[in-house]
Amino acid sequence: MSSKPKQTKSKSKKSTSADTTSSTSVKGGNALRPSGFLLTCDPPMKQFIIHLNDAKIADKKFIIEDLDATHLLIKGEARDEITMKAEEWMDENVFSNIERVGENLDTS
C-alpha cells in the first residue's frame, strides 16, 4: 500500500497544501512523476488561484478539476508557480495593527 506524502506551506491563516494524486513509484528503474496535486486552501485563496488560472490561455490552464469550496486538482507542473504567486499575494495583503488609533490626534 502506498502512502501519499503531504506537503504543507503556510505563512499565515491563508495557506495552501498539496497532496500528490498519484504516488511516485518505480517501474523498471524509472520513477513516475505525479500528474496532478490536490490543493487544499481557504475559499479566498481558492478564488485567487481560479483567477490566476482564468488569466491564462486555454492550453496553459492548470486547474484539472474544481472539487469543492476548499479543494482543487491542479496539474503538477503548475505547483511551484501557484505557490510563488500565492505567497506574493499574501505578502501584498498583510496589514499590521495600528496602536492607539484616535488617541492624541492633533487637529490644530
PDB file of N, CA and C in Angstrom:
ATOM      1  N   MET A   1       0.860  -1.186   0.000  1.00  0.00           N
ATOM      2  CA  MET A   1       0.000   0.000   0.000  1.00  0.00           C
ATOM      3  C   MET A   1       0.894   1.232   0.000  1.00  0.00           C
ATOM      4  N   SER A   2       0.648   2.156  -0.874  1.00  0.00           N
ATOM      5  CA  SER A   2       1.478   3.355  -0.948  1.00  0.00           C
ATOM      6  C   SER A   2       0.869   4.474  -0.115  1.00  0.00           C
ATOM      7  N   SER A   3       1.727   5.292   0.426  1.00  0.00           N
ATOM      8  CA  SER A   3       1.233   6.437   1.194  1.00  0.00           C
ATOM      9  C   SER A   3       1.379   7.687   0.354  1.00  0.00           C
ATOM     10  N   LYS A   4       0.548   8.650   0.613  1.00  0.00           N
ATOM     11  CA  LYS A   4       0.581   9.907  -0.120  1.00  0.00           C
ATOM     12  C   LYS A   4       1.313  10.934   0.725  1.00  0.00           C
ATOM     13  N   PRO A   5       2.448  11.462   0.248  1.00  0.00           N
ATOM     14  CA  PRO A   5       3.157  12.471   1.034  1.00  0.00           C
ATOM     15  C   PRO A   5       2.376  13.779   1.029  1.00  0.00           C
ATOM     16  N   LYS A   6       2.317  14.407   2.167  1.00  0.00           N
ATOM     17  CA  LYS A   6       1.610  15.676   2.276  1.00  0.00           C
ATOM     18  C   LYS A   6       2.620  16.767   2.542  1.00  0.00           C
ATOM     19  N   GLN A   7       2.584  17.788   1.735  1.00  0.00           N
ATOM     20  CA  GLN A   7       3.484  18.907   1.904  1.00  0.00           C
ATOM     21  C   GLN A   7       2.643  20.131   2.154  1.00  0.00           C
ATOM     22  N   THR A   8       2.920  20.809   3.267  1.00  0.00           N
ATOM     23  CA  THR A   8       2.151  21.987   3.631  1.00  0.00           C
ATOM     24  C   THR A   8       3.089  23.163   3.753  1.00  0.00           C
ATOM     25  N   LYS A   9       2.692  24.277   3.206  1.00  0.00           N
ATOM     26  CA  LYS A   9       3.472  25.501   3.323  1.00  0.00           C
ATOM     27  C   LYS A   9       2.508  26.566   3.793  1.00  0.00           C
ATOM     28  N   SER A  10       2.792  27.133   4.953  1.00  0.00           N
ATOM     29  CA  SER A  10       1.896  28.165   5.445  1.00  0.00           C
ATOM     30  C   SER A  10       2.688  29.296   6.046  1.00  0.00           C
ATOM     31  N   LYS A  11       2.274  30.511   5.757  1.00  0.00           N
ATOM     32  CA  LYS A  11       2.870  31.709   6.321  1.00  0.00           C
ATOM     33  C   LYS A  11       1.857  32.427   7.189  1.00  0.00           C
ATOM     34  N   SER A  12       0.613  32.244   6.901  1.00  0.00           N
ATOM     35  CA  SER A  12      -0.447  32.905   7.640  1.00  0.00           C
ATOM     36  C   SER A  12      -1.668  32.007   7.633  1.00  0.00           C
ATOM     37  N   LYS A  13      -2.795  32.566   8.018  1.00  0.00           N
ATOM     38  CA  LYS A  13      -4.030  31.799   8.049  1.00  0.00           C
ATOM     39  C   LYS A  13      -4.401  31.276   6.667  1.00  0.00           C
ATOM     40  N   LYS A  14      -4.112  32.064   5.647  1.00  0.00           N
ATOM     41  CA  LYS A  14      -4.399  31.660   4.279  1.00  0.00           C
ATOM     42  C   LYS A  14      -3.249  30.802   3.805  1.00  0.00           C
ATOM     43  N   SER A  15      -3.443  29.522   3.759  1.00  0.00           N
ATOM     44  CA  SER A  15      -2.371  28.630   3.365  1.00  0.00           C
ATOM     45  C   SER A  15      -2.875  27.660   2.315  1.00  0.00           C
ATOM     46  N   THR A  16      -1.916  27.063   1.647  1.00  0.00           N
ATOM     47  CA  THR A  16      -2.248  26.045   0.678  1.00  0.00           C
ATOM     48  C   THR A  16      -1.450  24.810   1.015  1.00  0.00           C
ATOM     49  N   SER A  17      -1.968  23.685   0.703  1.00  0.00           N
ATOM     50  CA  SER A  17      -1.214  22.454   0.837  1.00  0.00           C
ATOM     51  C   SER A  17      -1.512  21.610  -0.379  1.00  0.00           C
ATOM     52  N   ALA A  18      -0.583  20.738  -0.709  1.00  0.00           N
ATOM     53  CA  ALA A  18      -0.763  19.913  -1.893  1.00  0.00           C
ATOM     54  C   ALA A  18      -0.465  18.465  -1.554  1.00  0.00           C
ATOM     55  N   ASP A  19      -1.337  17.573  -1.999  1.00  0.00           N
ATOM     56  CA  ASP A  19      -1.139  16.137  -1.881  1.00  0.00           C
ATOM     57  C   ASP A  19      -0.963  15.609  -3.294  1.00  0.00           C
ATOM     58  N   THR A  20      -0.102  14.633  -3.446  1.00  0.00           N
ATOM     59  CA  THR A  20       0.017  14.045  -4.778  1.00  0.00           C
ATOM     60  C   THR A  20      -1.180  13.167  -5.028  1.00  0.00           C
ATOM     61  N   THR A  21      -1.691  13.207  -6.248  1.00  0.00           N
ATOM     62  CA  THR A  21      -2.845  12.372  -6.579  1.00  0.00           C
ATOM     63  C   THR A  21      -2.404  10.993  -7.015  1.00  0.00           C
ATOM     64  N   SER A  22      -1.186  10.884  -7.453  1.00  0.00           N
ATOM     65  CA  SER A  22      -0.641   9.574  -7.758  1.00  0.00           C
ATOM     66  C   SER A  22       0.740   9.504  -7.133  1.00  0.00           C
ATOM     67  N   SER A  23       0.957   8.526  -6.296  1.00  0.00           N
ATOM     68  CA  SER A  23       2.230   8.455  -5.600  1.00  0.00           C
ATOM     69  C   SER A  23       3.326   8.038  -6.570  1.00  0.00           C
ATOM     70  N   THR A  24       4.534   8.463  -6.261  1.00  0.00           N
ATOM     71  CA  THR A  24       5.667   8.144  -7.107  1.00  0.00           C
ATOM     72  C   THR A  24       6.025   6.682  -6.916  1.00  0.00           C
ATOM     73  N   SER A  25       6.158   5.961  -7.990  1.00  0.00           N
ATOM     74  CA  SER A  25       6.555   4.559  -7.914  1.00  0.00           C
ATOM     75  C   SER A  25       7.645   4.304  -8.940  1.00  0.00           C
ATOM     76  N   VAL A  26       8.293   3.194  -8.805  1.00  0.00           N
ATOM     77  CA  VAL A  26       9.394   2.863  -9.697  1.00  0.00           C
ATOM     78  C   VAL A  26       8.985   1.672 -10.548  1.00  0.00           C
ATOM     79  N   LYS A  27       9.092   1.832 -11.851  1.00  0.00           N
ATOM     80  CA  LYS A  27       8.829   0.738 -12.788  1.00  0.00           C
ATOM     81  C   LYS A  27      10.037   0.629 -13.703  1.00  0.00           C
ATOM     82  N   GLY A  28      10.716  -0.463 -13.617  1.00  0.00           N
ATOM     83  CA  GLY A  28      11.860  -0.674 -14.490  1.00  0.00           C
ATOM     84  C   GLY A  28      12.962   0.347 -14.272  1.00  0.00           C
ATOM     85  N   GLY A  29      13.084   0.883 -13.071  1.00  0.00           N
ATOM     86  CA  GLY A  29      14.132   1.836 -12.768  1.00  0.00           C
ATOM     87  C   GLY A  29      13.764   3.280 -13.049  1.00  0.00           C
ATOM     88  N   ASN A  30      12.610   3.547 -13.644  1.00  0.00           N
ATOM     89  CA  ASN A  30      12.195   4.907 -13.940  1.00  0.00           C
ATOM     90  C   ASN A  30      11.120   5.345 -12.951  1.00  0.00           C
ATOM     91  N   ALA A  31      11.334   6.474 -12.305  1.00  0.00           N
ATOM     92  CA  ALA A  31      10.341   6.995 -11.372  1.00  0.00           C
ATOM     93  C   ALA A  31       9.246   7.711 -12.153  1.00  0.00           C
ATOM     94  N   LEU A  32       8.002   7.438 -11.801  1.00  0.00           N
ATOM     95  CA  LEU A  32       6.877   8.106 -12.440  1.00  0.00           C
ATOM     96  C   LEU A  32       6.585   9.391 -11.689  1.00  0.00           C
ATOM     97  N   ARG A  33       6.350  10.453 -12.401  1.00  0.00           N
ATOM     98  CA  ARG A  33       6.031  11.725 -11.776  1.00  0.00           C
ATOM     99  C   ARG A  33       4.520  11.821 -11.594  1.00  0.00           C
ATOM    100  N   PRO A  34       4.095  12.453 -10.493  1.00  0.00           N
ATOM    101  CA  PRO A  34       2.648  12.625 -10.304  1.00  0.00           C
ATOM    102  C   PRO A  34       2.083  13.538 -11.381  1.00  0.00           C
ATOM    103  N   SER A  35       0.883  13.225 -11.839  1.00  0.00           N
ATOM    104  CA  SER A  35       0.268  14.019 -12.901  1.00  0.00           C
ATOM    105  C   SER A  35      -0.485  15.229 -12.361  1.00  0.00           C
ATOM    106  N   GLY A  36      -0.824  15.201 -11.074  1.00  0.00           N
ATOM    107  CA  GLY A  36      -1.554  16.314 -10.502  1.00  0.00           C
ATOM    108  C   GLY A  36      -1.440  16.339  -8.993  1.00  0.00           C
ATOM    109  N   PHE A  37      -1.910  17.426  -8.412  1.00  0.00           N
ATOM    110  CA  PHE A  37      -1.864  17.610  -6.973  1.00  0.00           C
ATOM    111  C   PHE A  37      -3.231  18.039  -6.473  1.00  0.00           C
ATOM    112  N   LEU A  38      -3.559  17.569  -5.283  1.00  0.00           N
ATOM    113  CA  LEU A  38      -4.756  18.025  -4.605  1.00  0.00           C
ATOM    114  C   LEU A  38      -4.353  19.247  -3.794  1.00  0.00           C
ATOM    115  N   LEU A  39      -4.895  20.392  -4.133  1.00  0.00           N
ATOM    116  CA  LEU A  39      -4.572  21.634  -3.464  1.00  0.00           C
ATOM    117  C   LEU A  39      -5.683  21.948  -2.463  1.00  0.00           C
ATOM    118  N   THR A  40      -5.306  22.154  -1.204  1.00  0.00           N
ATOM    119  CA  THR A  40      -6.257  22.497  -0.150  1.00  0.00           C
ATOM    120  C   THR A  40      -5.964  23.909   0.310  1.00  0.00           C
ATOM    121  N   CYS A  41      -6.971  24.756   0.333  1.00  0.00           N
ATOM    122  CA  CYS A  41      -6.786  26.141   0.750  1.00  0.00           C
ATOM    123  C   CYS A  41      -8.120  26.696   1.232  1.00  0.00           C
ATOM    124  N   ASP A  42      -8.075  27.898   1.794  1.00  0.00           N
ATOM    125  CA  ASP A  42      -9.326  28.517   2.210  1.00  0.00           C
ATOM    126  C   ASP A  42     -10.023  29.134   0.989  1.00  0.00           C
ATOM    127  N   PRO A  43     -11.320  29.451   1.105  1.00  0.00           N
ATOM    128  CA  PRO A  43     -12.064  29.960  -0.069  1.00  0.00           C
ATOM    129  C   PRO A  43     -11.477  31.221  -0.719  1.00  0.00           C
ATOM    130  N   PRO A  44     -10.988  32.233   0.036  1.00  0.00           N
ATOM    131  CA  PRO A  44     -10.400  33.390  -0.659  1.00  0.00           C
ATOM    132  C   PRO A  44      -9.164  33.030  -1.488  1.00  0.00           C
ATOM    133  N   MET A  45      -8.311  32.154  -0.950  1.00  0.00           N
ATOM    134  CA  MET A  45      -7.127  31.727  -1.698  1.00  0.00           C
ATOM    135  C   MET A  45      -7.546  30.928  -2.926  1.00  0.00           C
ATOM    136  N   LYS A  46      -8.571  30.117  -2.794  1.00  0.00           N
ATOM    137  CA  LYS A  46      -9.055  29.342  -3.933  1.00  0.00           C
ATOM    138  C   LYS A  46      -9.528  30.278  -5.043  1.00  0.00           C
ATOM    139  N   GLN A  47     -10.244  31.333  -4.679  1.00  0.00           N
ATOM    140  CA  GLN A  47     -10.711  32.289  -5.683  1.00  0.00           C
ATOM    141  C   GLN A  47      -9.540  32.975  -6.373  1.00  0.00           C
ATOM    142  N   PHE A  48      -8.478  33.276  -5.627  1.00  0.00           N
ATOM    143  CA  PHE A  48      -7.291  33.888  -6.225  1.00  0.00           C
ATOM    144  C   PHE A  48      -6.641  32.914  -7.213  1.00  0.00           C
ATOM    145  N   ILE A  49      -6.545  31.651  -6.849  1.00  0.00           N
ATOM    146  CA  ILE A  49      -5.943  30.645  -7.732  1.00  0.00           C
ATOM    147  C   ILE A  49      -6.798  30.453  -8.987  1.00  0.00           C
ATOM    148  N   ILE A  50      -8.111  30.465  -8.842  1.00  0.00           N
ATOM    149  CA  ILE A  50      -9.003  30.385 -10.011  1.00  0.00           C
ATOM    150  C   ILE A  50      -8.790  31.599 -10.912  1.00  0.00           C
ATOM    151  N   HIS A  51      -8.603  32.781 -10.300  1.00  0.00           N
ATOM    152  CA  HIS A  51      -8.314  33.993 -11.075  1.00  0.00           C
ATOM    153  C   HIS A  51      -7.020  33.837 -11.872  1.00  0.00           C
ATOM    154  N   LEU A  52      -5.975  33.282 -11.234  1.00  0.00           N
ATOM    155  CA  LEU A  52      -4.711  33.044 -11.947  1.00  0.00           C
ATOM    156  C   LEU A  52      -4.935  32.115 -13.138  1.00  0.00           C
ATOM    157  N   ASN A  53      -5.711  31.066 -12.930  1.00  0.00           N
ATOM    158  CA  ASN A  53      -6.000  30.100 -13.990  1.00  0.00           C
ATOM    159  C   ASN A  53      -6.782  30.747 -15.128  1.00  0.00           C
ATOM    160  N   ASP A  54      -7.785  31.565 -14.777  1.00  0.00           N
ATOM    161  CA  ASP A  54      -8.621  32.205 -15.799  1.00  0.00           C
ATOM    162  C   ASP A  54      -7.841  33.210 -16.650  1.00  0.00           C
ATOM    163  N   ALA A  55      -6.753  33.759 -16.097  1.00  0.00           N
ATOM    164  CA  ALA A  55      -5.950  34.735 -16.823  1.00  0.00           C
ATOM    165  C   ALA A  55      -5.049  34.078 -17.875  1.00  0.00           C
ATOM    166  N   LYS A  56      -4.957  32.770 -17.877  1.00  0.00           N
ATOM    167  CA  LYS A  56      -4.087  32.049 -18.815  1.00  0.00           C
ATOM    168  C   LYS A  56      -4.859  31.642 -20.066  1.00  0.00           C
ATOM    169  N   ILE A  57      -4.109  31.427 -21.159  1.00  0.00           N
ATOM    170  CA  ILE A  57      -4.733  30.928 -22.380  1.00  0.00           C
ATOM    171  C   ILE A  57      -5.111  29.458 -22.167  1.00  0.00           C
ATOM    172  N   ALA A  58      -5.982  28.946 -22.992  1.00  0.00           N
ATOM    173  CA  ALA A  58      -6.587  27.621 -22.791  1.00  0.00           C
ATOM    174  C   ALA A  58      -5.561  26.503 -22.584  1.00  0.00           C
ATOM    175  N   ASP A  59      -4.498  26.467 -23.377  1.00  0.00           N
ATOM    176  CA  ASP A  59      -3.549  25.359 -23.247  1.00  0.00           C
ATOM    177  C   ASP A  59      -2.573  25.520 -22.082  1.00  0.00           C
ATOM    178  N   LYS A  60      -2.587  26.656 -21.391  1.00  0.00           N
ATOM    179  CA  LYS A  60      -1.711  26.890 -20.236  1.00  0.00           C
ATOM    180  C   LYS A  60      -2.459  26.812 -18.909  1.00  0.00           C
ATOM    181  N   LYS A  61      -3.773  26.567 -18.953  1.00  0.00           N
ATOM    182  CA  LYS A  61      -4.561  26.489 -17.718  1.00  0.00           C
ATOM    183  C   LYS A  61      -4.102  25.289 -16.901  1.00  0.00           C
ATOM    184  N   PHE A  62      -4.128  25.425 -15.567  1.00  0.00           N
ATOM    185  CA  PHE A  62      -3.574  24.387 -14.704  1.00  0.00           C
ATOM    186  C   PHE A  62      -4.598  23.700 -13.810  1.00  0.00           C
ATOM    187  N   ILE A  63      -5.817  24.197 -13.722  1.00  0.00           N
ATOM    188  CA  ILE A  63      -6.824  23.531 -12.895  1.00  0.00           C
ATOM    189  C   ILE A  63      -7.421  22.374 -13.690  1.00  0.00           C
ATOM    190  N   ILE A  64      -7.303  21.179 -13.126  1.00  0.00           N
ATOM    191  CA  ILE A  64      -7.874  19.988 -13.750  1.00  0.00           C
ATOM    192  C   ILE A  64      -9.337  19.856 -13.338  1.00  0.00           C
ATOM    193  N   GLU A  65      -9.605  20.050 -12.038  1.00  0.00           N
ATOM    194  CA  GLU A  65     -10.961  19.895 -11.519  1.00  0.00           C
ATOM    195  C   GLU A  65     -11.160  20.773 -10.292  1.00  0.00           C
ATOM    196  N   ASP A  66     -12.293  21.451 -10.230  1.00  0.00           N
ATOM    197  CA  ASP A  66     -12.706  22.224  -9.057  1.00  0.00           C
ATOM    198  C   ASP A  66     -13.565  21.276  -8.222  1.00  0.00           C
ATOM    199  N   LEU A  67     -13.030  20.824  -7.082  1.00  0.00           N
ATOM    200  CA  LEU A  67     -13.682  19.757  -6.325  1.00  0.00           C
ATOM    201  C   LEU A  67     -14.739  20.251  -5.344  1.00  0.00           C
ATOM    202  N   ASP A  68     -14.397  21.217  -4.524  1.00  0.00           N
ATOM    203  CA  ASP A  68     -15.360  21.778  -3.573  1.00  0.00           C
ATOM    204  C   ASP A  68     -14.866  23.147  -3.130  1.00  0.00           C
ATOM    205  N   ALA A  69     -15.398  23.674  -2.042  1.00  0.00           N
ATOM    206  CA  ALA A  69     -15.085  25.039  -1.607  1.00  0.00           C
ATOM    207  C   ALA A  69     -13.626  25.246  -1.218  1.00  0.00           C
ATOM    208  N   THR A  70     -12.908  24.179  -0.881  1.00  0.00           N
ATOM    209  CA  THR A  70     -11.527  24.342  -0.422  1.00  0.00           C
ATOM    210  C   THR A  70     -10.528  23.436  -1.136  1.00  0.00           C
ATOM    211  N   HIS A  71     -10.943  22.755  -2.203  1.00  0.00           N
ATOM    212  CA  HIS A  71     -10.043  21.815  -2.886  1.00  0.00           C
ATOM    213  C   HIS A  71     -10.068  21.999  -4.397  1.00  0.00           C
ATOM    214  N   LEU A  72      -8.869  21.951  -4.980  1.00  0.00           N
ATOM    215  CA  LEU A  72      -8.696  21.979  -6.427  1.00  0.00           C
ATOM    216  C   LEU A  72      -7.733  20.872  -6.813  1.00  0.00           C
ATOM    217  N   LEU A  73      -7.952  20.266  -7.940  1.00  0.00           N
ATOM    218  CA  LEU A  73      -6.992  19.336  -8.511  1.00  0.00           C
ATOM    219  C   LEU A  73      -6.248  20.112  -9.588  1.00  0.00           C
ATOM    220  N   ILE A  74      -4.924  20.226  -9.420  1.00  0.00           N
ATOM    221  CA  ILE A  74      -4.125  21.039 -10.340  1.00  0.00           C
ATOM    222  C   ILE A  74      -3.059  20.189 -11.021  1.00  0.00           C
ATOM    223  N   LYS A  75      -2.595  20.662 -12.171  1.00  0.00           N
ATOM    224  CA  LYS A  75      -1.512  19.987 -12.885  1.00  0.00           C
ATOM    225  C   LYS A  75      -0.227  20.119 -12.069  1.00  0.00           C
ATOM    226  N   GLY A  76       0.575  19.076 -12.095  1.00  0.00           N
ATOM    227  CA  GLY A  76       1.800  19.027 -11.317  1.00  0.00           C
ATOM    228  C   GLY A  76       2.805  20.111 -11.651  1.00  0.00           C
ATOM    229  N   GLU A  77       2.915  20.447 -12.926  1.00  0.00           N
ATOM    230  CA  GLU A  77       3.930  21.433 -13.324  1.00  0.00           C
ATOM    231  C   GLU A  77       3.594  22.846 -12.880  1.00  0.00           C
ATOM    232  N   ALA A  78       2.369  23.107 -12.451  1.00  0.00           N
ATOM    233  CA  ALA A  78       1.958  24.455 -12.037  1.00  0.00           C
ATOM    234  C   ALA A  78       2.139  24.696 -10.543  1.00  0.00           C
ATOM    235  N   ARG A  79       2.517  23.679  -9.806  1.00  0.00           N
ATOM    236  CA  ARG A  79       2.584  23.777  -8.346  1.00  0.00           C
ATOM    237  C   ARG A  79       3.513  24.895  -7.868  1.00  0.00           C
ATOM    238  N   ASP A  80       4.721  24.963  -8.398  1.00  0.00           N
ATOM    239  CA  ASP A  80       5.684  25.987  -7.965  1.00  0.00           C
ATOM    240  C   ASP A  80       5.192  27.389  -8.309  1.00  0.00           C
ATOM    241  N   GLU A  81       4.621  27.553  -9.495  1.00  0.00           N
ATOM    242  CA  GLU A  81       4.102  28.864  -9.899  1.00  0.00           C
ATOM    243  C   GLU A  81       2.973  29.314  -8.970  1.00  0.00           C
ATOM    244  N   ILE A  82       2.057  28.408  -8.657  1.00  0.00           N
ATOM    245  CA  ILE A  82       0.943  28.750  -7.778  1.00  0.00           C
ATOM    246  C   ILE A  82       1.453  29.130  -6.395  1.00  0.00           C
ATOM    247  N   THR A  83       2.398  28.362  -5.867  1.00  0.00           N
ATOM    248  CA  THR A  83       2.966  28.666  -4.546  1.00  0.00           C
ATOM    249  C   THR A  83       3.595  30.049  -4.534  1.00  0.00           C
ATOM    250  N   MET A  84       4.385  30.372  -5.556  1.00  0.00           N
ATOM    251  CA  MET A  84       5.050  31.667  -5.633  1.00  0.00           C
ATOM    252  C   MET A  84       4.032  32.812  -5.718  1.00  0.00           C
ATOM    253  N   LYS A  85       3.044  32.675  -6.614  1.00  0.00           N
ATOM    254  CA  LYS A  85       2.034  33.727  -6.776  1.00  0.00           C
ATOM    255  C   LYS A  85       1.187  33.887  -5.515  1.00  0.00           C
ATOM    256  N   ALA A  86       0.849  32.784  -4.852  1.00  0.00           N
ATOM    257  CA  ALA A  86       0.053  32.844  -3.623  1.00  0.00           C
ATOM    258  C   ALA A  86       0.832  33.549  -2.511  1.00  0.00           C
ATOM    259  N   GLU A  87       2.129  33.270  -2.393  1.00  0.00           N
ATOM    260  CA  GLU A  87       2.950  33.933  -1.383  1.00  0.00           C
ATOM    261  C   GLU A  87       3.053  35.431  -1.662  1.00  0.00           C
ATOM    262  N   GLU A  88       3.225  35.804  -2.926  1.00  0.00           N
ATOM    263  CA  GLU A  88       3.277  37.229  -3.288  1.00  0.00           C
ATOM    264  C   GLU A  88       1.959  37.913  -2.938  1.00  0.00           C
ATOM    265  N   TRP A  89       0.838  37.265  -3.252  1.00  0.00           N
ATOM    266  CA  TRP A  89      -0.477  37.830  -2.974  1.00  0.00           C
ATOM    267  C   TRP A  89      -0.693  37.997  -1.477  1.00  0.00           C
ATOM    268  N   MET A  90      -0.281  36.993  -0.699  1.00  0.00           N
ATOM    269  CA  MET A  90      -0.425  37.096   0.759  1.00  0.00           C
ATOM    270  C   MET A  90       0.437  38.231   1.314  1.00  0.00           C
ATOM    271  N   ASP A  91       1.661  38.365   0.799  1.00  0.00           N
ATOM    272  CA  ASP A  91       2.551  39.435   1.262  1.00  0.00           C
ATOM    273  C   ASP A  91       1.979  40.815   0.954  1.00  0.00           C
ATOM    274  N   GLU A  92       1.330  40.956  -0.196  1.00  0.00           N
ATOM    275  CA  GLU A  92       0.727  42.231  -0.578  1.00  0.00           C
ATOM    276  C   GLU A  92      -0.484  42.575   0.277  1.00  0.00           C
ATOM    277  N   ASN A  93      -1.118  41.580   0.854  1.00  0.00           N
ATOM    278  CA  ASN A  93      -2.354  41.787   1.585  1.00  0.00           C
ATOM    279  C   ASN A  93      -2.212  41.590   3.095  1.00  0.00           C
ATOM    280  N   VAL A  94      -1.025  41.859   3.615  1.00  0.00           N
ATOM    281  CA  VAL A  94      -0.807  41.768   5.058  1.00  0.00           C
ATOM    282  C   VAL A  94      -0.882  43.173   5.627  1.00  0.00           C
ATOM    283  N   PHE A  95      -1.718  43.340   6.635  1.00  0.00           N
ATOM    284  CA  PHE A  95      -1.892  44.641   7.259  1.00  0.00           C
ATOM    285  C   PHE A  95      -1.504  44.525   8.721  1.00  0.00           C
ATOM    286  N   SER A  96      -0.797  45.519   9.230  1.00  0.00           N
ATOM    287  CA  SER A  96      -0.399  45.486  10.634  1.00  0.00           C
ATOM    288  C   SER A  96      -1.353  46.344  11.450  1.00  0.00           C
ATOM    289  N   ASN A  97      -1.464  46.013  12.707  1.00  0.00           N
ATOM    290  CA  ASN A  97      -2.321  46.776  13.610  1.00  0.00           C
ATOM    291  C   ASN A  97      -1.698  48.139  13.894  1.00  0.00           C
ATOM    292  N   ILE A  98      -2.514  49.143  13.949  1.00  0.00           N
ATOM    293  CA  ILE A  98      -2.051  50.476  14.329  1.00  0.00           C
ATOM    294  C   ILE A  98      -2.454  50.669  15.776  1.00  0.00           C
ATOM    295  N   GLU A  99      -1.478  50.957  16.600  1.00  0.00           N
ATOM    296  CA  GLU A  99      -1.761  51.104  18.024  1.00  0.00           C
ATOM    297  C   GLU A  99      -2.374  52.462  18.312  1.00  0.00           C
ATOM    298  N   ARG A 100      -3.296  52.479  19.217  1.00  0.00           N
ATOM    299  CA  ARG A 100      -3.940  53.675  19.768  1.00  0.00           C
ATOM    300  C   ARG A 100      -4.484  54.590  18.680  1.00  0.00           C
ATOM    301  N   VAL A 101      -5.272  54.071  17.795  1.00  0.00           N
ATOM    302  CA  VAL A 101      -5.891  54.857  16.754  1.00  0.00           C
ATOM    303  C   VAL A 101      -6.866  55.835  17.402  1.00  0.00           C
ATOM    304  N   GLY A 102      -6.775  57.090  17.036  1.00  0.00           N
ATOM    305  CA  GLY A 102      -7.691  58.100  17.532  1.00  0.00           C
ATOM    306  C   GLY A 102      -7.251  58.779  18.810  1.00  0.00           C
ATOM    307  N   GLU A 103      -6.187  58.322  19.406  1.00  0.00           N
ATOM    308  CA  GLU A 103      -5.709  58.958  20.635  1.00  0.00           C
ATOM    309  C   GLU A 103      -4.666  60.007  20.308  1.00  0.00           C
ATOM    310  N   ASN A 104      -4.706  61.103  21.025  1.00  0.00           N
ATOM    311  CA  ASN A 104      -3.716  62.165  20.906  1.00  0.00           C
ATOM    312  C   ASN A 104      -3.562  62.704  19.495  1.00  0.00           C
ATOM    313  N   LEU A 105      -4.684  62.869  18.816  1.00  0.00           N
ATOM    314  CA  LEU A 105      -4.630  63.406  17.469  1.00  0.00           C
ATOM    315  C   LEU A 105      -4.598  64.931  17.563  1.00  0.00           C
ATOM    316  N   ASP A 106      -3.671  65.532  16.885  1.00  0.00           N
ATOM    317  CA  ASP A 106      -3.553  66.980  16.880  1.00  0.00           C
ATOM    318  C   ASP A 106      -4.368  67.490  15.688  1.00  0.00           C
ATOM    319  N   THR A 107      -5.453  68.202  15.966  1.00  0.00           N
ATOM    320  CA  THR A 107      -6.326  68.683  14.900  1.00  0.00           C
ATOM    321  C   THR A 107      -6.189  70.176  14.672  1.00  0.00           C
ATOM    322  N   SER A 108      -5.150  70.789  15.213  1.00  0.00           N
ATOM    323  CA  SER A 108      -4.996  72.232  15.040  1.00  0.00           C
ATOM    324  C   SER A 108      -4.352  72.613  13.744  1.00  0.00           C
TER     325      SER A 108
END
